[in-house]
Amino acid sequence: MACASSRLVTTGAYHFFLTHTQNSAPSLMDTRAERLFQMFEKMLLIRRFEEAAAKAYATGKIRGFCHLYIGEEPVAVGAIENLEAQDHVIATYREHGHALARGLSARSVMAELFGKESGCSKGLGGSMHLFSREHNFMGGHGIVGGHVAVASGLAFASKYRGDYGVTLCFIGEGGTNIGGFFEGLTYAALWNLPVVFIIENNLYAMGTPLYRSQPTRDLTLKAKAFNMASARIDALEVEVVHKTVKEAVVRARSGQGPTLIEMITYRFRGHSMSDPAKYRPPGELEEMKDKDPLDTTRAKLAALGFTTEQLTALDAKIDAEIADAVVFAENAKELSYDAMRAMVFS
């Protein structure tokens, strides 16, 4: 993707030089308002889901690891909005948002976090291992970077079957130093596979800032080693995400090969629920919260003509859906011992 303009963004810790595709803002088509409203609804669902998950974790109803997606909602929503039924999504262990954006119900995901039989992985996977064959949602993977090679395998299967399927692979910036990342990109480029690799650069690999873990600020330079198309965007705007990924999906689906996209985003919470995130410089979090993508998207919708009553009604709808999911998860049954035993090799 040819880059034509750029701008400097501060986060308090250091500067990121963000490059944008020329004319990156979407055109004002008739369907823009409707699409933006739909994407905002999904972003709001993810935000309220994660807030409810945080509360349930704090009260001991969710155990184990739990990595929240608060602040990064435009990435999953804007990207997955471009997919069709035969396409695949594969993600890291911070994947609640991707699962919901792909169409898994709040009930099935919350029940999984609670370890219940009605969860999308029957309560056996928990927060880091959400799966749904029905939605072609292939995880939720706890091994950093290991799933990137699996993504290329999924894309190879789509190409082999000739079903015009595309695979979206989400990976954190820290995972781009892992061997599986390079293995996956090698075969994707070598075999011209229909896959889009999305780096969710939230500036910190766990608690380590990018400048201490990477020899370059621009991670799309890694695509050059594979002769792979790439793009680098400010991912706080869901419409920019949607447009950029749309171009990559069209390229992949038409047989023109894979793309690597670096999306500069930010998580408002720690790496996991057990992380107090004290490594952030003073004022950084407050600065980024001023750019909260839910607030800016809500303002855009108001400018497009949506009324306060309409947006308030959406808030109430999402709040009710999340409250229902929590009650459902609390009351759901746990998987029986016999059912669990049948899944254990002995």
Protein backbone atom coordinates (compact mmCIF):
# COMPACT_ATOMS: atom_id res chain seq x y z
CA MET A 1 0.00 0.00 0.00
CA ALA A 2 1.52 3.28 -1.05
CA CYS A 3 1.77 5.76 1.79
CA ALA A 4 1.37 9.43 1.02
CA SER A 5 0.87 11.37 4.25
CA SER A 6 1.97 11.19 7.87
CA ARG A 7 1.51 12.73 11.30
CA LEU A 8 3.13 12.62 14.70
CA VAL A 9 1.20 11.35 17.73
CA THR A 10 2.41 11.55 21.33
CA THR A 11 1.56 9.01 23.98
CA GLY A 12 3.64 10.50 26.78
CA ALA A 13 6.25 7.73 26.67
CA TYR A 14 7.63 8.41 23.21
CA HIS A 15 6.63 9.46 19.74
CA PHE A 16 5.16 7.25 17.05
CA PHE A 17 5.42 8.24 13.46
CA LEU A 18 2.16 7.02 11.92
CA THR A 19 1.87 6.70 8.18
CA HIS A 20 -1.49 6.75 6.44
CA THR A 21 -2.65 5.66 3.05
CA GLN A 22 -3.57 8.53 0.78
CA ASN A 23 -7.25 9.44 1.11
CA SER A 24 -7.56 7.08 4.08
CA ALA A 25 -10.83 8.63 5.30
CA PRO A 26 -13.84 6.76 3.91
CA SER A 27 -16.06 8.51 1.43
CA LEU A 28 -19.42 9.81 2.63
CA MET A 29 -21.50 7.11 0.98
CA ASP A 30 -25.17 6.66 1.77
CA THR A 31 -24.45 3.63 3.95
CA ARG A 32 -21.72 5.27 6.02
CA ALA A 33 -23.95 6.29 8.92
CA GLU A 34 -25.60 2.88 9.12
CA ARG A 35 -22.29 1.03 8.99
CA LEU A 36 -20.70 3.30 11.57
CA PHE A 37 -23.67 2.81 13.90
CA GLN A 38 -23.40 -0.97 13.54
CA MET A 39 -19.68 -0.89 14.26
CA PHE A 40 -20.22 1.41 17.24
CA GLU A 41 -22.80 -1.03 18.60
CA LYS A 42 -20.23 -3.83 18.47
CA MET A 43 -17.55 -1.65 20.03
CA LEU A 44 -19.92 -0.72 22.84
CA LEU A 45 -20.83 -4.38 23.36
CA ILE A 46 -17.15 -5.27 23.72
CA ARG A 47 -16.48 -2.39 26.14
CA ARG A 48 -19.42 -3.24 28.41
CA PHE A 49 -18.60 -6.96 28.22
CA GLU A 50 -15.03 -6.35 29.32
CA GLU A 51 -16.13 -4.07 32.15
CA ALA A 52 -18.49 -6.79 33.37
CA ALA A 53 -15.72 -9.38 33.06
CA ALA A 54 -13.41 -7.20 35.14
CA LYS A 55 -16.07 -6.96 37.86
CA ALA A 56 -16.70 -10.71 37.80
CA TYR A 57 -12.97 -11.39 38.02
CA ALA A 58 -12.58 -9.05 40.98
CA THR A 59 -15.31 -10.93 42.84
CA GLY A 60 -13.81 -14.36 42.10
CA LYS A 61 -16.41 -15.52 39.59
CA ILE A 62 -13.78 -15.68 36.84
CA ARG A 63 -10.48 -17.32 37.63
CA GLY A 64 -7.15 -17.85 35.92
CA PHE A 65 -5.79 -15.38 33.40
CA CYS A 66 -7.97 -12.65 31.97
CA HIS A 67 -6.74 -10.09 29.42
CA LEU A 68 -9.11 -7.23 28.63
CA TYR A 69 -9.52 -5.44 25.29
CA ILE A 70 -10.68 -2.07 26.62
CA GLY A 71 -9.41 0.71 24.35
CA GLU A 72 -8.62 -1.53 21.37
CA GLU A 73 -12.20 -2.10 20.19
CA PRO A 74 -11.85 -0.41 16.75
CA VAL A 75 -9.22 -2.93 15.67
CA ALA A 76 -11.32 -6.09 16.00
CA VAL A 77 -14.58 -4.48 14.94
CA GLY A 78 -13.29 -2.52 11.95
CA ALA A 79 -11.28 -5.47 10.66
CA ILE A 80 -13.81 -8.28 11.14
CA GLU A 81 -16.62 -6.19 9.66
CA ASN A 82 -15.10 -7.00 6.25
CA LEU A 83 -15.41 -10.77 6.52
CA GLU A 84 -17.77 -13.32 4.99
CA ALA A 85 -19.06 -16.58 6.46
CA GLN A 86 -16.31 -18.78 4.97
CA ASP A 87 -13.52 -16.58 6.36
CA HIS A 88 -11.49 -17.45 9.45
CA VAL A 89 -10.36 -15.41 12.46
CA ILE A 90 -7.50 -16.43 14.72
CA ALA A 91 -6.20 -14.34 17.60
CA THR A 92 -4.03 -14.09 20.69
CA TYR A 93 -5.17 -14.72 24.25
CA ARG A 94 -6.63 -11.17 24.38
CA GLU A 95 -9.54 -12.27 22.18
CA HIS A 96 -12.87 -11.54 23.89
CA GLY A 97 -13.39 -8.59 21.56
CA HIS A 98 -12.58 -10.56 18.43
CA ALA A 99 -14.98 -13.33 19.40
CA LEU A 100 -17.82 -10.89 19.98
CA ALA A 101 -17.04 -8.99 16.77
CA ARG A 102 -17.13 -12.28 14.85
CA GLY A 103 -20.64 -12.96 16.10
CA LEU A 104 -20.28 -15.18 19.17
CA SER A 105 -22.98 -14.32 21.69
CA ALA A 106 -22.19 -12.47 24.89
CA ARG A 107 -23.82 -15.38 26.73
CA SER A 108 -21.53 -18.02 25.23
CA VAL A 109 -18.37 -16.00 25.83
CA MET A 110 -19.27 -14.97 29.38
CA ALA A 111 -20.22 -18.55 30.25
CA GLU A 112 -16.83 -19.67 28.97
CA LEU A 113 -15.09 -17.16 31.21
CA PHE A 114 -17.13 -18.54 34.12
CA GLY A 115 -16.03 -22.09 33.18
CA LYS A 116 -19.53 -23.32 32.38
CA GLU A 117 -20.74 -26.06 30.01
CA SER A 118 -22.72 -23.60 27.89
CA GLY A 119 -19.56 -21.62 27.14
CA CYS A 120 -18.28 -21.60 23.58
CA SER A 121 -15.52 -24.08 24.57
CA LYS A 122 -17.70 -25.92 27.10
CA GLY A 123 -15.92 -24.16 29.95
CA LEU A 124 -12.68 -26.00 29.20
CA GLY A 125 -10.82 -23.16 27.52
CA GLY A 126 -11.57 -20.12 29.63
CA SER A 127 -10.63 -16.57 28.77
CA MET A 128 -7.63 -17.38 26.58
CA HIS A 129 -9.10 -20.19 24.51
CA LEU A 130 -12.40 -19.15 22.98
CA PHE A 131 -13.36 -21.22 19.93
CA SER A 132 -16.36 -21.49 17.65
CA ARG A 133 -16.37 -23.72 14.60
CA GLU A 134 -19.80 -22.34 13.70
CA HIS A 135 -18.33 -18.85 13.32
CA ASN A 136 -14.93 -19.99 11.99
CA PHE A 137 -13.40 -18.42 15.07
CA MET A 138 -10.26 -20.49 15.60
CA GLY A 139 -9.03 -19.15 18.95
CA GLY A 140 -7.73 -17.74 21.39
CA HIS A 141 -4.09 -18.99 21.65
CA GLY A 142 -1.92 -18.80 24.75
CA ILE A 143 1.42 -19.46 23.01
CA VAL A 144 2.75 -16.07 21.94
CA GLY A 145 3.25 -15.99 18.17
CA GLY A 146 2.57 -19.70 17.72
CA HIS A 147 -0.79 -19.16 16.07
CA VAL A 148 0.64 -17.16 13.16
CA ALA A 149 1.81 -20.34 11.44
CA VAL A 150 -1.64 -21.83 12.09
CA ALA A 151 -3.16 -18.80 10.34
CA SER A 152 -1.14 -19.59 7.23
CA GLY A 153 -2.37 -23.17 7.49
CA LEU A 154 -5.98 -21.99 7.57
CA ALA A 155 -5.35 -19.77 4.55
CA PHE A 156 -3.68 -22.66 2.73
CA ALA A 157 -6.77 -24.79 3.36
CA SER A 158 -9.01 -22.08 1.90
CA LYS A 159 -6.82 -21.79 -1.19
CA TYR A 160 -6.71 -25.59 -1.57
CA ARG A 161 -10.49 -25.87 -1.34
CA GLY A 162 -11.01 -22.90 -3.64
CA ASP A 163 -13.69 -21.39 -1.39
CA TYR A 164 -12.28 -17.82 -1.62
CA GLY A 165 -11.94 -17.71 2.14
CA VAL A 166 -9.65 -15.19 3.83
CA THR A 167 -7.97 -15.56 7.22
CA LEU A 168 -7.51 -12.63 9.59
CA CYS A 169 -4.68 -13.21 12.06
CA PHE A 170 -4.34 -10.84 15.03
CA ILE A 171 -1.02 -10.68 16.86
CA GLY A 172 0.52 -8.38 19.46
CA GLU A 173 3.62 -6.38 18.64
CA GLY A 174 5.64 -8.45 21.11
CA GLY A 175 4.75 -11.61 19.19
CA THR A 176 6.48 -10.34 16.06
CA ASN A 177 9.83 -11.36 17.57
CA ILE A 178 8.78 -15.00 17.85
CA GLY A 179 9.86 -17.72 15.42
CA GLY A 180 6.28 -18.70 14.62
CA PHE A 181 5.65 -15.20 13.27
CA PHE A 182 8.42 -15.52 10.70
CA GLU A 183 7.43 -19.07 9.82
CA GLY A 184 3.84 -17.99 9.18
CA LEU A 185 4.82 -15.02 7.03
CA THR A 186 7.34 -17.10 5.10
CA TYR A 187 4.77 -19.60 3.88
CA ALA A 188 2.06 -16.99 3.39
CA ALA A 189 4.33 -15.09 1.00
CA LEU A 190 5.88 -18.15 -0.62
CA TRP A 191 2.52 -19.72 -1.43
CA ASN A 192 0.66 -16.44 -2.01
CA LEU A 193 -1.91 -17.27 0.64
CA PRO A 194 -5.17 -15.35 1.35
CA VAL A 195 -4.28 -14.09 4.82
CA VAL A 196 -4.11 -10.69 6.48
CA PHE A 197 -1.76 -10.37 9.46
CA ILE A 198 -2.80 -7.59 11.85
CA ILE A 199 -0.30 -6.38 14.45
CA GLU A 200 -2.20 -4.88 17.38
CA ASN A 201 0.52 -2.54 18.58
CA ASN A 202 -0.76 -1.35 21.95
CA LEU A 203 2.72 0.02 22.74
CA TYR A 204 3.57 -2.48 25.49
CA ALA A 205 4.55 -6.13 25.24
CA MET A 206 3.25 -7.03 28.67
CA GLY A 207 5.04 -4.23 30.56
CA THR A 208 7.88 -3.63 28.12
CA PRO A 209 7.58 -0.58 25.84
CA LEU A 210 8.23 -1.10 22.15
CA TYR A 211 11.48 0.85 22.08
CA ARG A 212 13.01 -1.62 24.55
CA SER A 213 11.98 -4.77 22.68
CA GLN A 214 12.15 -3.89 18.97
CA PRO A 215 15.05 -2.58 16.84
CA THR A 216 12.62 -0.53 14.73
CA ARG A 217 9.60 1.63 15.50
CA ASP A 218 7.92 0.69 12.21
CA LEU A 219 7.03 -2.99 12.37
CA THR A 220 5.81 -3.08 8.77
CA LEU A 221 9.49 -3.04 7.74
CA LYS A 222 9.41 -6.73 8.61
CA ALA A 223 7.06 -7.28 5.66
CA LYS A 224 9.82 -6.25 3.26
CA ALA A 225 11.73 -9.45 4.04
CA PHE A 226 8.80 -11.38 2.57
CA ASN A 227 8.02 -9.07 -0.36
CA MET A 228 4.64 -8.58 1.30
CA ALA A 229 2.23 -5.66 1.01
CA SER A 230 1.92 -3.62 4.21
CA ALA A 231 0.21 -0.66 5.83
CA ARG A 232 0.58 1.25 9.10
CA ILE A 233 -2.34 3.17 10.58
CA ASP A 234 -3.71 4.97 13.60
CA ALA A 235 -6.22 2.38 14.77
CA LEU A 236 -8.21 4.56 17.15
CA GLU A 237 -10.61 5.32 14.29
CA VAL A 238 -12.80 2.36 13.36
CA GLU A 239 -13.55 3.69 9.87
CA VAL A 240 -9.84 3.90 9.04
CA VAL A 241 -9.40 0.33 10.27
CA HIS A 242 -12.35 -0.85 8.21
CA LYS A 243 -11.12 0.77 5.00
CA THR A 244 -7.53 -0.42 5.38
CA VAL A 245 -8.48 -4.01 6.10
CA LYS A 246 -11.06 -3.97 3.31
CA GLU A 247 -8.30 -3.26 0.81
CA ALA A 248 -6.20 -6.11 2.21
CA VAL A 249 -9.12 -8.56 2.24
CA VAL A 250 -9.99 -7.74 -1.37
CA ARG A 251 -6.34 -8.29 -2.31
CA ALA A 252 -6.24 -11.65 -0.52
CA ARG A 253 -9.59 -12.87 -1.85
CA SER A 254 -8.65 -12.02 -5.43
CA GLY A 255 -5.45 -14.08 -5.28
CA GLN A 256 -3.01 -11.18 -4.87
CA GLY A 257 -1.50 -12.51 -1.68
CA PRO A 258 -1.08 -11.61 2.00
CA THR A 259 -0.77 -8.25 3.76
CA LEU A 260 0.83 -7.18 7.03
CA ILE A 261 -0.93 -4.28 8.79
CA GLU A 262 0.41 -2.56 11.88
CA MET A 263 -2.35 -0.89 13.88
CA ILE A 264 -1.26 1.61 16.53
CA THR A 265 -3.73 1.22 19.39
CA TYR A 266 -3.76 1.41 23.18
CA ARG A 267 -5.10 -0.65 26.04
CA PHE A 268 -6.59 1.25 28.96
CA ARG A 269 -6.05 -1.59 31.41
CA GLY A 270 -2.96 -3.58 32.37
CA HIS A 271 -1.64 -6.53 30.41
CA SER A 272 -3.90 -8.78 32.47
CA MET A 273 -6.18 -8.37 35.45
CA SER A 274 -3.21 -8.96 37.74
CA ASP A 275 -1.16 -6.13 36.19
CA PRO A 276 -1.40 -2.69 37.87
CA ALA A 277 0.38 -1.13 34.84
CA LYS A 278 2.67 1.04 36.95
CA TYR A 279 5.22 1.09 34.12
CA ARG A 280 3.29 3.77 32.21
CA PRO A 281 4.76 7.29 32.31
CA PRO A 282 2.74 9.86 34.29
CA GLY A 283 -0.11 11.33 32.29
CA GLU A 284 0.05 8.84 29.40
CA LEU A 285 -3.13 6.97 30.27
CA GLU A 286 -5.09 10.19 30.79
CA GLU A 287 -3.87 11.53 27.44
CA MET A 288 -4.98 8.39 25.62
CA LYS A 289 -8.35 8.30 27.39
CA ASP A 290 -9.00 11.75 25.93
CA LYS A 291 -8.91 9.93 22.57
CA ASP A 292 -11.23 7.11 23.70
CA PRO A 293 -12.51 5.58 20.44
CA LEU A 294 -16.00 5.08 21.86
CA ASP A 295 -16.29 8.76 22.71
CA THR A 296 -15.00 9.93 19.35
CA THR A 297 -17.22 7.51 17.45
CA ARG A 298 -20.26 8.59 19.45
CA ALA A 299 -19.47 12.20 18.54
CA LYS A 300 -19.23 11.25 14.86
CA LEU A 301 -22.62 9.56 15.01
CA ALA A 302 -24.14 12.67 16.56
CA ALA A 303 -22.64 14.74 13.75
CA LEU A 304 -24.19 12.34 11.22
CA GLY A 305 -27.64 12.97 12.68
CA PHE A 306 -28.18 10.32 15.35
CA THR A 307 -30.09 11.74 18.26
CA THR A 308 -29.31 11.58 21.95
CA GLU A 309 -32.42 9.41 22.38
CA GLN A 310 -31.17 6.89 19.79
CA LEU A 311 -27.73 6.63 21.36
CA THR A 312 -29.18 6.38 24.86
CA ALA A 313 -31.48 3.58 23.67
CA LEU A 314 -28.44 1.74 22.32
CA ASP A 315 -26.71 2.11 25.69
CA ALA A 316 -29.73 0.57 27.41
CA LYS A 317 -29.89 -2.28 24.89
CA ILE A 318 -26.23 -3.19 25.37
CA ASP A 319 -26.43 -2.87 29.16
CA ALA A 320 -29.38 -5.28 29.18
CA GLU A 321 -27.57 -7.76 26.92
CA ILE A 322 -24.51 -7.80 29.17
CA ALA A 323 -26.57 -8.09 32.37
CA ASP A 324 -28.37 -11.04 30.79
CA ALA A 325 -25.04 -12.66 29.86
CA VAL A 326 -23.75 -12.39 33.42
CA VAL A 327 -26.92 -13.89 34.92
CA PHE A 328 -26.85 -16.65 32.29
CA ALA A 329 -23.23 -17.49 33.11
CA GLU A 330 -23.83 -17.48 36.85
CA ASN A 331 -26.77 -19.88 36.56
CA ALA A 332 -25.31 -22.17 33.88
CA LYS A 333 -24.18 -25.68 34.77
CA GLU A 334 -20.60 -26.80 34.95
CA LEU A 335 -19.46 -29.62 32.66
CA SER A 336 -19.98 -32.99 34.34
CA TYR A 337 -17.07 -35.10 35.50
CA ASP A 338 -17.94 -37.86 33.04
CA ALA A 339 -17.99 -35.41 30.14
CA MET A 340 -14.61 -34.00 31.15
CA ARG A 341 -13.14 -37.46 31.64
CA ALA A 342 -14.24 -38.48 28.15
CA MET A 343 -12.07 -35.70 26.72
CA VAL A 344 -8.91 -36.81 28.56
CA PHE A 345 -6.62 -39.30 26.90
CA SER A 346 -5.81 -42.17 29.23
